[in-house]
Amino acid sequence: MANTKLIAMTGASGLIGKTFIEMLASDIEIVHKISSSKIKIHEIADQVKWAAASGAKYFLHLGWPASSSDDNYRISPKNFDALEKTLLIKNVCEEFDIFFIGIGSPVDRFLYADNTYSLTKYVAKQVFLKDILEGKITWLRPFYIFDQISWPKFMYDMNKEIVEIEDNSPRDYIHIKDVTRGIESVIRWDIRGEVDLGSQIFKTPSELCTALGKSFSFNLDISQKGKTELYSAATNEKLSKVWNARHTENVFKGVK
């Protein structure tokens, strides 16, 4: 296909990466994959060079090794390894004229020094901020991702088969299929700068459990509901013309 977008990527084995590959559109082709958890720092330049030689024009950097760590990803020291590799991958992509697409988080606007995941995501964004604002790279910010199987790992005890809710604040939830379709749209239409991937459908964890048919209990004083500082994803004018969160909308139909 003449208009096929050739990409390289990290994070192919993660939740977003696996879904992205399973749903991959015919006009996007992955020509090279890099395991960000296994690659050594000194190997990155050669791997990106190989991606360029394979024709990759975009580098989709979904990999963040701490996210798949056996440790609690929020406090894992592997976040610093992920940060170092992310900074290097972006710089090497620039050297080989490959457009870099990185991935942030809903909390990368705030500095939480006691949470190494949030801290390192925040630092990455600050380092890239000038390039983000000038549209030299794309910085994706998926909001609170869920699916019917693995959501949400940090709340769902597979042995108890029940979600224990410690904070029932509403969140801008988004289905993983909507996230991957959003990423495809970003690549297909060459959408640059900061791009939020959120549904702008605010629901509480208990409402999401109800929509997915999951049992839940409150592990909190419900009077403390609302302690989490949350906000809606920003609307990107270019993205909104070619994408909407229809999977999320379908899940929440009828949930008041």
Protein backbone atom coordinates (compact mmCIF):
# COMPACT_ATOMS: atom_id res chain seq x y z
CA MET A 1 0.00 0.00 0.00
CA ALA A 2 1.52 3.26 -1.13
CA ASN A 3 0.43 5.24 1.94
CA THR A 4 1.44 2.64 4.51
CA LYS A 5 3.09 4.14 7.60
CA LEU A 6 6.22 2.22 8.57
CA ILE A 7 6.96 2.26 12.28
CA ALA A 8 9.31 0.85 14.88
CA MET A 9 8.11 0.36 18.43
CA THR A 10 8.87 -0.61 21.99
CA GLY A 11 6.38 -2.05 24.46
CA ALA A 12 4.96 -4.68 22.11
CA SER A 13 4.35 -7.07 25.03
CA GLY A 14 2.60 -4.51 27.25
CA LEU A 15 -1.16 -3.94 27.53
CA ILE A 16 -1.25 -1.07 25.03
CA GLY A 17 1.34 -2.63 22.71
CA LYS A 18 -0.36 -6.04 22.51
CA THR A 19 -3.74 -4.48 21.80
CA PHE A 20 -2.21 -2.12 19.24
CA ILE A 21 -0.69 -5.09 17.38
CA GLU A 22 -3.87 -7.20 17.60
CA MET A 23 -5.93 -4.35 16.14
CA LEU A 24 -3.29 -3.05 13.72
CA ALA A 25 -4.79 -1.35 10.68
CA SER A 26 -3.70 -2.34 7.18
CA ASP A 27 -2.14 1.07 6.50
CA ILE A 28 0.34 0.79 9.39
CA GLU A 29 3.23 -1.69 9.32
CA ILE A 30 5.63 -2.49 12.15
CA VAL A 31 9.08 -3.01 10.67
CA HIS A 32 11.10 -3.31 13.87
CA LYS A 33 10.45 -4.03 17.57
CA ILE A 34 12.72 -3.30 20.50
CA SER A 35 12.30 -4.74 23.99
CA SER A 36 12.88 -1.74 26.26
CA SER A 37 13.10 -4.01 29.32
CA LYS A 38 15.89 -6.16 27.86
CA ILE A 39 17.88 -3.76 25.69
CA LYS A 40 21.07 -2.31 27.13
CA ILE A 41 21.78 1.39 26.92
CA HIS A 42 24.77 0.86 24.62
CA GLU A 43 22.60 -1.17 22.19
CA ILE A 44 19.94 1.48 21.62
CA ALA A 45 21.69 3.48 18.90
CA ASP A 46 22.31 0.37 16.76
CA GLN A 47 18.71 -0.78 17.16
CA VAL A 48 17.29 2.58 16.12
CA LYS A 49 19.75 2.64 13.21
CA TRP A 50 18.42 -0.78 12.20
CA ALA A 51 14.86 0.57 12.39
CA ALA A 52 15.81 3.43 10.09
CA ALA A 53 17.44 1.02 7.65
CA SER A 54 14.19 -0.99 7.68
CA GLY A 55 12.32 2.11 6.52
CA ALA A 56 10.74 3.23 9.80
CA LYS A 57 9.56 6.84 9.71
CA TYR A 58 7.89 6.76 13.15
CA PHE A 59 9.06 5.35 16.44
CA LEU A 60 6.22 4.47 18.82
CA HIS A 61 7.80 4.29 22.26
CA LEU A 62 5.26 2.52 24.48
CA GLY A 63 7.83 0.64 26.56
CA TRP A 64 8.27 1.60 30.19
CA PRO A 65 9.93 -1.40 31.92
CA ALA A 66 8.70 -0.51 35.42
CA SER A 67 5.10 -0.96 34.28
CA SER A 68 5.66 -4.70 33.70
CA SER A 69 7.89 -5.12 36.75
CA ASP A 70 7.05 -7.52 39.57
CA ASP A 71 7.60 -4.56 41.89
CA ASN A 72 4.98 -1.94 42.62
CA TYR A 73 5.44 0.15 39.48
CA ARG A 74 4.72 3.37 41.36
CA ILE A 75 7.85 3.05 43.47
CA SER A 76 10.00 0.75 41.34
CA PRO A 77 13.61 1.88 40.78
CA LYS A 78 13.19 0.56 37.23
CA ASN A 79 11.41 3.83 36.48
CA PHE A 80 14.81 5.55 36.37
CA ASP A 81 16.09 2.96 33.88
CA ALA A 82 12.97 3.59 31.79
CA LEU A 83 13.58 7.34 31.91
CA GLU A 84 17.21 7.01 30.81
CA LYS A 85 16.28 4.76 27.87
CA THR A 86 13.41 7.03 26.83
CA LEU A 87 15.62 10.11 26.69
CA LEU A 88 18.22 8.25 24.63
CA ILE A 89 15.72 6.69 22.21
CA LYS A 90 14.23 10.09 21.47
CA ASN A 91 17.66 11.63 20.80
CA VAL A 92 18.76 8.77 18.54
CA CYS A 93 15.48 8.93 16.61
CA GLU A 94 16.21 12.59 15.91
CA GLU A 95 19.67 11.64 14.64
CA PHE A 96 18.19 9.13 12.17
CA ASP A 97 15.26 11.33 11.11
CA ILE A 98 12.59 9.12 12.69
CA PHE A 99 9.60 10.88 14.22
CA PHE A 100 9.36 10.07 17.93
CA ILE A 101 6.02 9.33 19.61
CA GLY A 102 6.37 9.01 23.38
CA ILE A 103 3.87 8.14 26.06
CA GLY A 104 3.13 10.08 29.22
CA SER A 105 0.41 9.64 31.82
CA PRO A 106 -2.52 11.54 33.36
CA VAL A 107 -0.24 12.71 36.19
CA ASP A 108 2.76 13.94 34.21
CA ARG A 109 1.66 17.55 34.70
CA PHE A 110 2.37 17.31 38.41
CA LEU A 111 5.52 16.54 40.37
CA TYR A 112 4.99 13.78 42.95
CA ALA A 113 8.42 13.26 44.48
CA ASP A 114 7.36 10.20 46.51
CA ASN A 115 6.10 8.33 43.42
CA THR A 116 8.96 7.38 41.11
CA TYR A 117 6.62 6.50 38.22
CA SER A 118 4.99 9.93 38.28
CA LEU A 119 8.33 11.61 38.94
CA THR A 120 10.11 10.04 35.97
CA LYS A 121 7.16 10.62 33.62
CA TYR A 122 7.12 14.24 34.75
CA VAL A 123 10.87 14.63 34.15
CA ALA A 124 10.62 13.08 30.68
CA LYS A 125 7.90 15.51 29.71
CA GLN A 126 9.83 18.50 31.04
CA VAL A 127 12.93 17.47 29.07
CA PHE A 128 10.82 17.10 25.92
CA LEU A 129 8.58 20.11 26.53
CA LYS A 130 10.11 22.46 23.97
CA ASP A 131 9.94 19.80 21.25
CA ILE A 132 6.37 18.92 22.26
CA LEU A 133 5.24 22.54 22.06
CA GLU A 134 6.97 23.01 18.69
CA GLY A 135 5.43 19.81 17.28
CA LYS A 136 8.79 18.15 16.76
CA ILE A 137 7.58 15.06 18.63
CA THR A 138 4.23 13.70 19.81
CA TRP A 139 3.57 13.13 23.50
CA LEU A 140 0.60 10.82 24.08
CA ARG A 141 -1.18 10.97 27.41
CA PRO A 142 -3.60 8.02 27.81
CA PHE A 143 -5.87 8.54 30.78
CA TYR A 144 -7.30 5.81 33.02
CA ILE A 145 -7.14 2.72 30.83
CA PHE A 146 -9.37 -0.28 31.35
CA ASP A 147 -10.48 -3.45 29.62
CA GLN A 148 -12.72 -6.35 30.54
CA ILE A 149 -9.88 -8.74 31.39
CA SER A 150 -6.96 -7.07 33.13
CA TRP A 151 -8.49 -3.88 34.53
CA PRO A 152 -7.33 -2.61 36.84
CA LYS A 153 -4.31 -4.62 37.98
CA PHE A 154 -3.63 -2.39 40.96
CA MET A 155 -7.18 -2.78 42.29
CA TYR A 156 -8.19 -6.25 41.18
CA ASP A 157 -7.21 -9.31 43.25
CA MET A 158 -7.52 -12.27 40.88
CA ASN A 159 -7.64 -14.69 43.84
CA LYS A 160 -10.52 -12.89 45.55
CA GLU A 161 -12.20 -12.00 42.26
CA ILE A 162 -13.24 -8.69 43.74
CA VAL A 163 -12.16 -5.10 43.25
CA GLU A 164 -11.23 -3.35 46.47
CA ILE A 165 -11.82 0.36 46.00
CA GLU A 166 -9.71 2.67 48.14
CA ASP A 167 -10.68 5.85 46.36
CA ASN A 168 -14.00 6.12 44.56
CA SER A 169 -13.22 9.45 42.90
CA PRO A 170 -14.46 9.78 39.31
CA ARG A 171 -11.85 9.32 36.60
CA ASP A 172 -11.63 9.97 32.90
CA TYR A 173 -11.72 6.28 31.98
CA ILE A 174 -10.89 5.07 28.49
CA HIS A 175 -11.11 1.60 26.97
CA ILE A 176 -7.83 0.13 25.73
CA LYS A 177 -9.28 -0.30 22.22
CA ASP A 178 -10.02 3.42 22.08
CA VAL A 179 -6.44 4.14 23.15
CA THR A 180 -4.99 2.02 20.36
CA ARG A 181 -7.35 3.49 17.76
CA GLY A 182 -6.31 6.93 18.98
CA ILE A 183 -2.65 6.04 18.51
CA GLU A 184 -3.38 4.80 15.00
CA SER A 185 -5.09 8.11 14.20
CA VAL A 186 -2.10 10.04 15.52
CA ILE A 187 0.22 8.09 13.21
CA ARG A 188 -2.11 8.06 10.22
CA TRP A 189 -2.86 11.80 10.31
CA ASP A 190 0.56 12.89 11.58
CA ILE A 191 -0.88 14.61 14.67
CA ARG A 192 1.89 16.28 16.65
CA GLY A 193 2.51 17.88 20.01
CA GLU A 194 0.73 16.87 23.21
CA VAL A 195 -2.24 14.57 22.61
CA ASP A 196 -4.55 13.47 25.42
CA LEU A 197 -6.33 10.16 24.93
CA GLY A 198 -9.31 10.33 27.25
CA SER A 199 -13.02 9.76 26.85
CA GLN A 200 -14.15 12.81 28.84
CA ILE A 201 -16.62 10.39 30.43
CA PHE A 202 -16.07 10.75 34.18
CA LYS A 203 -17.10 7.64 36.13
CA THR A 204 -16.17 6.28 39.56
CA PRO A 205 -14.39 2.94 39.96
CA SER A 206 -17.60 1.49 41.39
CA GLU A 207 -19.52 2.60 38.29
CA LEU A 208 -16.89 1.01 36.07
CA CYS A 209 -17.13 -2.23 38.07
CA THR A 210 -20.89 -2.19 37.59
CA ALA A 211 -20.52 -1.62 33.85
CA LEU A 212 -18.06 -4.54 33.56
CA GLY A 213 -20.00 -6.85 35.88
CA LYS A 214 -17.24 -7.03 38.49
CA SER A 215 -17.88 -7.40 42.21
CA PHE A 216 -16.39 -4.70 44.41
CA SER A 217 -16.10 -3.55 47.99
CA PHE A 218 -15.04 -0.28 49.58
CA ASN A 219 -11.79 -0.41 51.51
CA LEU A 220 -12.16 3.13 52.77
CA ASP A 221 -14.22 5.54 54.77
CA ILE A 222 -16.62 6.50 51.98
CA SER A 223 -16.85 9.99 53.48
CA GLN A 224 -13.32 10.54 52.13
CA LYS A 225 -14.50 10.00 48.56
CA GLY A 226 -12.91 12.44 46.16
CA LYS A 227 -9.39 12.66 47.54
CA THR A 228 -7.71 12.03 44.17
CA GLU A 229 -6.82 15.09 42.13
CA LEU A 230 -8.25 14.32 38.70
CA TYR A 231 -9.11 16.26 35.59
CA SER A 232 -10.54 15.62 32.17
CA ALA A 233 -8.46 14.91 29.10
CA ALA A 234 -8.02 17.94 26.87
CA THR A 235 -9.70 17.88 23.47
CA ASN A 236 -7.34 17.91 20.52
CA GLU A 237 -9.08 19.55 17.58
CA LYS A 238 -7.25 17.55 14.90
CA LEU A 239 -7.72 14.23 16.70
CA SER A 240 -11.39 14.81 17.48
CA LYS A 241 -12.15 15.03 13.75
CA VAL A 242 -10.92 11.49 13.08
CA TRP A 243 -11.45 9.59 16.35
CA ASN A 244 -13.85 9.15 19.22
CA ALA A 245 -14.00 6.91 22.29
CA ARG A 246 -16.84 4.71 21.06
CA HIS A 247 -15.76 1.54 22.95
CA THR A 248 -15.80 3.49 26.21
CA GLU A 249 -19.16 5.01 25.38
CA ASN A 250 -20.60 1.55 24.71
CA VAL A 251 -19.36 0.18 28.05
CA PHE A 252 -20.99 2.98 30.01
CA LYS A 253 -24.32 3.04 28.18
CA GLY A 254 -27.05 2.88 30.79
CA VAL A 255 -24.68 3.53 33.73
CA LYS A 256 -25.87 6.64 35.54
